[in-house]
Every structure is written in structure tokens, then in C-alpha cells.
N, C-alpha and C. Protein backbone atom coordinates (compact mmCIF):
# COMPACT_ATOMS: atom_id res chain seq x y z
N MET A 1 -25.19 -78.83 59.51
CA MET A 1 -24.31 -78.59 58.61
C MET A 1 -24.81 -79.46 57.28
N ALA A 2 -24.99 -79.20 56.62
CA ALA A 2 -25.18 -79.47 54.89
C ALA A 2 -24.18 -80.54 54.36
N SER A 3 -24.02 -81.87 53.97
CA SER A 3 -23.32 -82.62 53.83
C SER A 3 -22.92 -82.28 52.10
N PRO A 4 -21.59 -81.74 51.53
CA PRO A 4 -21.56 -81.92 50.46
C PRO A 4 -21.98 -82.71 49.15
N THR A 5 -21.97 -83.88 49.63
CA THR A 5 -22.83 -85.16 48.69
C THR A 5 -23.97 -85.37 49.03
N PRO A 6 -25.21 -85.21 48.16
CA PRO A 6 -26.60 -85.24 48.12
C PRO A 6 -26.63 -86.56 48.93
N GLN A 7 -27.44 -86.77 49.86
CA GLN A 7 -28.07 -88.20 50.52
C GLN A 7 -28.97 -88.83 49.63
N MET A 8 -28.50 -90.35 49.45
CA MET A 8 -29.28 -90.85 48.34
C MET A 8 -30.38 -91.72 49.62
N GLN A 9 -31.49 -92.12 48.91
CA GLN A 9 -32.92 -93.21 49.57
C GLN A 9 -33.10 -94.12 48.86
N ARG A 10 -33.47 -95.15 49.23
CA ARG A 10 -33.89 -96.38 48.07
C ARG A 10 -35.27 -96.68 48.54
N ASN A 11 -36.39 -95.97 48.25
CA ASN A 11 -37.57 -96.39 48.64
C ASN A 11 -38.28 -97.35 48.12
N ALA A 12 -37.62 -97.72 47.22
CA ALA A 12 -38.13 -99.09 46.08
C ALA A 12 -37.75 -100.61 46.94
N LEU A 13 -36.90 -100.23 47.70
CA LEU A 13 -36.35 -101.58 48.36
C LEU A 13 -37.24 -102.51 48.97
N ALA A 14 -37.97 -101.64 49.95
CA ALA A 14 -38.87 -102.76 51.03
C ALA A 14 -39.83 -102.82 50.42
N PRO A 15 -40.52 -102.24 49.71
CA PRO A 15 -41.66 -103.00 48.54
C PRO A 15 -41.26 -104.20 47.49
N GLY A 16 -39.65 -103.91 47.19
CA GLY A 16 -38.99 -104.75 46.32
C GLY A 16 -38.63 -106.39 46.46
N LEU A 17 -38.35 -106.09 48.69
CA LEU A 17 -37.80 -107.31 48.76
C LEU A 17 -38.94 -107.88 49.34
N LEU A 18 -40.52 -107.48 49.81
CA LEU A 18 -41.29 -108.15 49.99
C LEU A 18 -42.27 -108.92 49.27
N ALA A 19 -42.02 -108.18 47.79
CA ALA A 19 -42.46 -108.59 46.59
C ALA A 19 -41.65 -110.33 46.18
N ALA A 20 -40.30 -109.83 46.35
CA ALA A 20 -39.56 -110.91 46.03
C ALA A 20 -40.04 -112.40 46.94
N ILE A 21 -40.01 -111.94 48.05
CA ILE A 21 -40.51 -113.15 49.04
C ILE A 21 -41.65 -113.70 48.90
N ALA A 22 -42.14 -113.15 48.46
CA ALA A 22 -43.50 -113.79 47.83
C ALA A 22 -43.64 -114.27 46.72
N LEU A 23 -43.29 -113.75 46.23
CA LEU A 23 -42.59 -114.61 44.65
C LEU A 23 -41.82 -115.92 44.76
N PHE A 24 -40.63 -115.84 45.80
CA PHE A 24 -40.14 -117.01 46.14
C PHE A 24 -41.30 -118.23 46.54
N LEU A 25 -41.77 -117.18 47.58
CA LEU A 25 -42.82 -118.49 48.35
C LEU A 25 -44.10 -119.17 47.51
N SER A 26 -44.36 -118.30 46.39
CA SER A 26 -45.20 -118.70 45.61
C SER A 26 -45.67 -119.56 44.97
N PRO A 27 -44.34 -120.72 44.34
CA PRO A 27 -44.40 -122.36 44.13
C PRO A 27 -45.24 -122.74 45.02
N LEU A 28 -44.64 -122.68 46.25
CA LEU A 28 -45.40 -123.48 47.26
C LEU A 28 -46.89 -123.50 47.59
N PHE A 29 -47.28 -122.68 47.17
CA PHE A 29 -49.01 -122.34 47.35
C PHE A 29 -49.51 -122.20 46.08
N ASN A 30 -48.94 -123.12 44.83
CA ASN A 30 -49.90 -123.00 43.85
C ASN A 30 -51.20 -123.67 44.12
N GLY A 31 -52.18 -122.87 43.58
CA GLY A 31 -53.70 -123.49 43.63
C GLY A 31 -54.81 -122.69 43.71
N ASP A 32 -55.82 -123.02 44.36
CA ASP A 32 -57.06 -121.52 44.66
C ASP A 32 -57.49 -121.69 45.83
N ASN A 33 -56.08 -121.77 47.04
CA ASN A 33 -56.40 -121.32 48.29
C ASN A 33 -55.84 -120.08 48.54
N ILE A 34 -56.03 -119.26 50.06
CA ILE A 34 -56.23 -118.03 50.59
C ILE A 34 -54.83 -117.17 50.09
N VAL A 35 -53.70 -118.20 50.52
CA VAL A 35 -52.44 -118.02 49.89
C VAL A 35 -51.60 -117.47 48.95
N ALA A 36 -52.09 -118.69 47.85
CA ALA A 36 -52.08 -117.91 46.45
C ALA A 36 -53.00 -116.90 46.00
N THR A 37 -54.14 -116.38 46.84
CA THR A 37 -55.21 -115.11 46.49
C THR A 37 -54.40 -114.09 46.73
N ILE A 38 -54.13 -114.48 48.20
CA ILE A 38 -53.26 -112.78 48.76
C ILE A 38 -51.46 -112.77 47.84
N ILE A 39 -51.21 -113.55 47.20
CA ILE A 39 -50.13 -113.29 46.28
C ILE A 39 -49.87 -112.42 45.19
N PHE A 40 -51.60 -113.22 44.70
CA PHE A 40 -52.39 -112.57 43.42
C PHE A 40 -52.08 -111.09 43.40
N TYR A 41 -52.50 -110.99 44.80
CA TYR A 41 -53.13 -109.43 44.75
C TYR A 41 -51.94 -108.46 45.53
N LEU A 42 -50.97 -108.75 45.99
CA LEU A 42 -49.73 -108.65 46.81
C LEU A 42 -48.69 -107.75 45.69
N VAL A 43 -48.53 -109.10 45.06
CA VAL A 43 -47.52 -108.90 43.71
C VAL A 43 -47.81 -107.47 42.66
N PRO A 44 -48.87 -107.68 42.12
CA PRO A 44 -49.25 -106.29 41.55
C PRO A 44 -49.27 -105.10 41.97
N ILE A 45 -49.90 -105.09 43.15
CA ILE A 45 -49.47 -103.90 44.26
C ILE A 45 -48.29 -103.23 44.45
N LEU A 46 -47.75 -104.24 45.13
CA LEU A 46 -46.52 -103.72 45.17
C LEU A 46 -45.35 -103.58 44.08
N ALA A 47 -45.64 -104.19 42.58
CA ALA A 47 -44.93 -103.98 41.67
C ALA A 47 -45.21 -102.05 40.99
N LEU A 48 -46.67 -102.17 41.03
CA LEU A 48 -46.89 -100.48 41.09
C LEU A 48 -46.58 -99.27 41.77
N ILE A 49 -46.28 -99.95 42.91
CA ILE A 49 -45.63 -99.20 43.91
C ILE A 49 -43.85 -98.98 43.37
N VAL A 50 -43.63 -99.92 43.22
CA VAL A 50 -42.12 -99.72 43.02
C VAL A 50 -42.05 -98.60 41.61
N ALA A 51 -42.87 -99.30 40.73
CA ALA A 51 -42.94 -98.62 39.52
C ALA A 51 -43.21 -96.44 39.74
N TRP A 52 -43.92 -96.72 40.97
CA TRP A 52 -44.45 -94.93 41.03
C TRP A 52 -42.72 -95.01 41.98
N PHE A 53 -42.37 -95.53 42.24
CA PHE A 53 -40.96 -95.35 42.97
C PHE A 53 -39.52 -94.89 42.10
N ALA A 54 -39.83 -95.43 40.98
CA ALA A 54 -38.60 -95.35 39.56
C ALA A 54 -39.21 -94.32 38.59
N TRP A 55 -40.67 -94.03 38.40
CA TRP A 55 -40.82 -92.70 37.76
C TRP A 55 -40.44 -91.46 38.74
N GLN A 56 -40.45 -91.55 40.03
CA GLN A 56 -40.12 -90.48 40.90
C GLN A 56 -38.36 -90.22 40.90
N ALA A 57 -37.97 -91.05 40.88
CA ALA A 57 -36.15 -91.30 40.95
C ALA A 57 -35.80 -91.09 39.03
N ARG A 58 -36.79 -90.90 38.13
CA ARG A 58 -36.51 -90.62 36.96
C ARG A 58 -35.67 -91.65 36.22
N GLN A 59 -36.22 -92.93 36.74
CA GLN A 59 -35.86 -94.00 36.15
C GLN A 59 -36.80 -95.01 35.33
N TRP A 60 -37.24 -94.19 33.86
CA TRP A 60 -38.77 -94.86 33.69
C TRP A 60 -38.58 -96.23 32.96
N TRP A 61 -37.15 -96.24 32.62
CA TRP A 61 -37.12 -97.75 32.17
C TRP A 61 -37.81 -99.38 33.51
N TRP A 62 -37.33 -98.70 34.57
CA TRP A 62 -38.03 -99.45 35.29
C TRP A 62 -39.40 -99.39 35.65
N THR A 63 -40.07 -98.22 35.60
CA THR A 63 -41.41 -97.92 35.29
C THR A 63 -42.17 -99.35 34.18
N ILE A 64 -41.54 -99.47 33.39
CA ILE A 64 -42.35 -100.25 31.99
C ILE A 64 -42.32 -101.38 32.50
N VAL A 65 -40.96 -101.90 32.96
CA VAL A 65 -40.87 -103.35 33.54
C VAL A 65 -42.14 -103.58 34.91
N PHE A 66 -41.96 -102.55 35.64
CA PHE A 66 -43.12 -103.33 36.55
C PHE A 66 -44.83 -102.98 36.30
N VAL A 67 -44.86 -102.16 35.45
CA VAL A 67 -46.32 -102.21 34.76
C VAL A 67 -46.41 -103.39 34.12
N ALA A 68 -45.74 -103.89 33.65
CA ALA A 68 -46.02 -105.18 32.87
C ALA A 68 -45.97 -106.51 33.68
N ILE A 69 -44.96 -106.54 35.23
CA ILE A 69 -45.36 -106.98 35.70
C ILE A 69 -46.63 -107.24 36.47
N ALA A 70 -47.76 -105.70 36.53
CA ALA A 70 -48.55 -105.62 37.47
C ALA A 70 -49.68 -106.03 36.55
N VAL A 71 -49.56 -105.81 35.07
CA VAL A 71 -50.32 -106.80 34.22
C VAL A 71 -50.46 -108.11 34.08
N ILE A 72 -48.85 -109.18 34.18
CA ILE A 72 -48.75 -110.40 34.21
C ILE A 72 -49.71 -110.77 35.31
N TRP A 73 -49.45 -110.10 36.63
CA TRP A 73 -49.56 -111.25 37.59
C TRP A 73 -50.99 -110.00 38.60
N ASN A 74 -51.86 -109.48 37.27
CA ASN A 74 -53.03 -109.13 37.85
C ASN A 74 -54.43 -110.15 38.31
N PRO A 75 -54.84 -110.34 39.47
CA PRO A 75 -55.41 -110.64 39.99
C PRO A 75 -57.30 -110.72 39.05
N VAL A 76 -57.44 -109.55 38.46
CA VAL A 76 -58.72 -109.00 37.98
C VAL A 76 -59.35 -109.83 37.00
N PHE A 77 -57.90 -109.82 35.79
CA PHE A 77 -58.14 -110.87 34.87
C PHE A 77 -56.86 -112.53 34.45
N PRO A 78 -56.91 -112.08 35.56
CA PRO A 78 -55.54 -113.73 35.54
C PRO A 78 -55.16 -114.15 34.06
N PHE A 79 -54.08 -114.33 33.62
CA PHE A 79 -54.07 -115.08 32.25
C PHE A 79 -53.39 -116.73 32.82
N GLY A 80 -53.62 -117.09 33.87
CA GLY A 80 -53.73 -118.61 34.08
C GLY A 80 -52.66 -119.47 33.80
N PHE A 81 -51.12 -118.70 33.29
CA PHE A 81 -50.30 -119.69 33.48
C PHE A 81 -49.73 -120.60 34.30
N THR A 82 -49.27 -121.84 33.75
CA THR A 82 -49.06 -122.99 34.61
C THR A 82 -47.64 -123.37 34.56
N GLY A 83 -46.82 -123.95 35.54
CA GLY A 83 -46.16 -125.31 34.85
C GLY A 83 -44.62 -124.51 34.84
N GLN A 84 -43.32 -124.93 34.45
CA GLN A 84 -42.09 -124.88 34.53
C GLN A 84 -41.77 -123.48 34.30
N VAL A 85 -42.65 -122.58 32.79
CA VAL A 85 -42.23 -121.44 32.62
C VAL A 85 -42.82 -120.29 33.68
N TRP A 86 -43.83 -120.56 34.42
CA TRP A 86 -44.57 -119.73 35.00
C TRP A 86 -43.87 -119.81 36.27
N THR A 87 -43.46 -120.78 36.70
CA THR A 87 -42.33 -121.13 37.94
C THR A 87 -41.02 -120.27 37.86
N ALA A 88 -40.59 -120.00 36.53
CA ALA A 88 -39.70 -119.36 36.07
C ALA A 88 -39.54 -118.34 35.65
N ALA A 89 -40.79 -117.62 35.48
CA ALA A 89 -40.82 -116.15 35.50
C ALA A 89 -41.28 -115.67 36.60
N GLN A 90 -41.85 -116.18 37.44
CA GLN A 90 -41.58 -115.86 39.36
C GLN A 90 -40.54 -115.42 39.79
N PHE A 91 -39.29 -116.30 39.39
CA PHE A 91 -38.40 -116.40 39.86
C PHE A 91 -37.46 -115.08 39.22
N VAL A 92 -37.88 -115.10 37.81
CA VAL A 92 -36.99 -113.70 37.06
C VAL A 92 -37.49 -112.28 37.92
N ALA A 93 -38.94 -112.12 37.80
CA ALA A 93 -39.30 -111.15 38.67
C ALA A 93 -39.17 -110.61 40.01
N ALA A 94 -39.04 -111.83 40.63
CA ALA A 94 -38.69 -111.97 41.81
C ALA A 94 -37.01 -111.20 41.56
N LEU A 95 -36.07 -111.65 41.00
CA LEU A 95 -34.92 -111.10 41.14
C LEU A 95 -34.73 -109.51 40.33
N LEU A 96 -35.82 -109.42 39.45
CA LEU A 96 -36.09 -107.88 38.60
C LEU A 96 -36.66 -106.72 40.36
N PHE A 97 -37.49 -107.30 41.24
CA PHE A 97 -37.47 -106.70 42.36
C PHE A 97 -36.42 -106.44 43.19
N ILE A 98 -35.38 -107.52 43.40
CA ILE A 98 -34.62 -107.55 44.08
C ILE A 98 -33.82 -106.02 43.69
N ALA A 99 -33.37 -106.31 42.56
CA ALA A 99 -32.54 -105.40 41.37
C ALA A 99 -32.93 -104.33 41.36
N ALA A 100 -34.58 -104.04 41.00
CA ALA A 100 -34.84 -102.88 41.26
C ALA A 100 -34.82 -102.02 42.78
N GLY A 101 -34.85 -102.58 43.75
CA GLY A 101 -34.88 -102.42 45.21
C GLY A 101 -33.47 -101.50 45.10
N ILE A 102 -32.50 -102.46 44.54
CA ILE A 102 -31.15 -101.74 45.11
C ILE A 102 -30.99 -100.91 44.39
N LEU A 103 -31.03 -100.80 42.60
CA LEU A 103 -30.62 -99.65 41.86
C LEU A 103 -31.68 -98.26 41.95
N ILE A 104 -32.99 -98.17 42.30
CA ILE A 104 -33.51 -97.34 42.22
C ILE A 104 -33.61 -96.58 43.48
N ARG A 105 -33.03 -95.80 43.40
CA ARG A 105 -32.75 -94.55 44.54
C ARG A 105 -32.82 -93.16 44.05
N ASN A 106 -33.17 -92.04 44.70
CA ASN A 106 -33.18 -90.77 44.22
C ASN A 106 -32.65 -90.04 45.81
N GLU A 107 -32.64 -88.68 45.55
CA GLU A 107 -32.23 -87.71 46.31
C GLU A 107 -33.12 -87.56 48.00
N ARG A 108 -32.55 -87.59 48.95
CA ARG A 108 -33.20 -87.38 50.24
C ARG A 108 -33.39 -85.86 50.38
N GLU A 109 -35.28 -85.87 50.63
CA GLU A 109 -35.56 -84.55 50.73
C GLU A 109 -35.21 -84.05 52.03
N ALA A 110 -35.18 -83.13 52.19
CA ALA A 110 -35.03 -82.08 54.06
C ALA A 110 -36.50 -82.14 54.38
């Protein structure tokens, strides 16, 4: 029996939480080690996944935010940011991933 209210699902929650964990841990692994390289690949990939889920949920404003995050954290042409501003940017991006994971939701398809 179908419920009268549509069921909602949060597809962006898992990639958002994974990216937030990576961003919260990234200040511990600054430098040219393998963990920093993995984070520089993981964050933009997860940002594009969250952007895609935002697009599917018709919440295009989140798409703009996460495409920008994917560009800033891209491993192909890195910007080379350092210092406290970069650490604060990682913290803000982690909070954005968590907020998007909670707020982006769409109707569950049967």
C-alpha cells in the first residue's frame, strides 16, 4: 500500500560525509605525501557527485557551490593554497558538504 506522503531520500548524504571527513583530516596530512594526494583526488570527485545529486533534486544552487569546490580542489591544476586561510577553507567546505548532505533530498522512486 502506498503512503499518502512521498518518501524522500538523501542521496548526497554519504558522499557529503565522506568528503567532510577527508576535509577535516586533511590539515593533518599537508605536504606531498600519498594521503594528501588521495584527498586532492577524493574531494573534487565527491564534490561532483554531490553536485550531480543536487542537480537531480532540482536544487541547482548547490550545484554551483560544489562545482566551485571541485575546481578549487582539483588535482590536475592545483592552486597551491597554504596557511590558515586554506585550513579555514577546508573547514568551511566540510561544513558545506555536511549541510548539502542533509538538505539535498528528492522523492524516492519506486
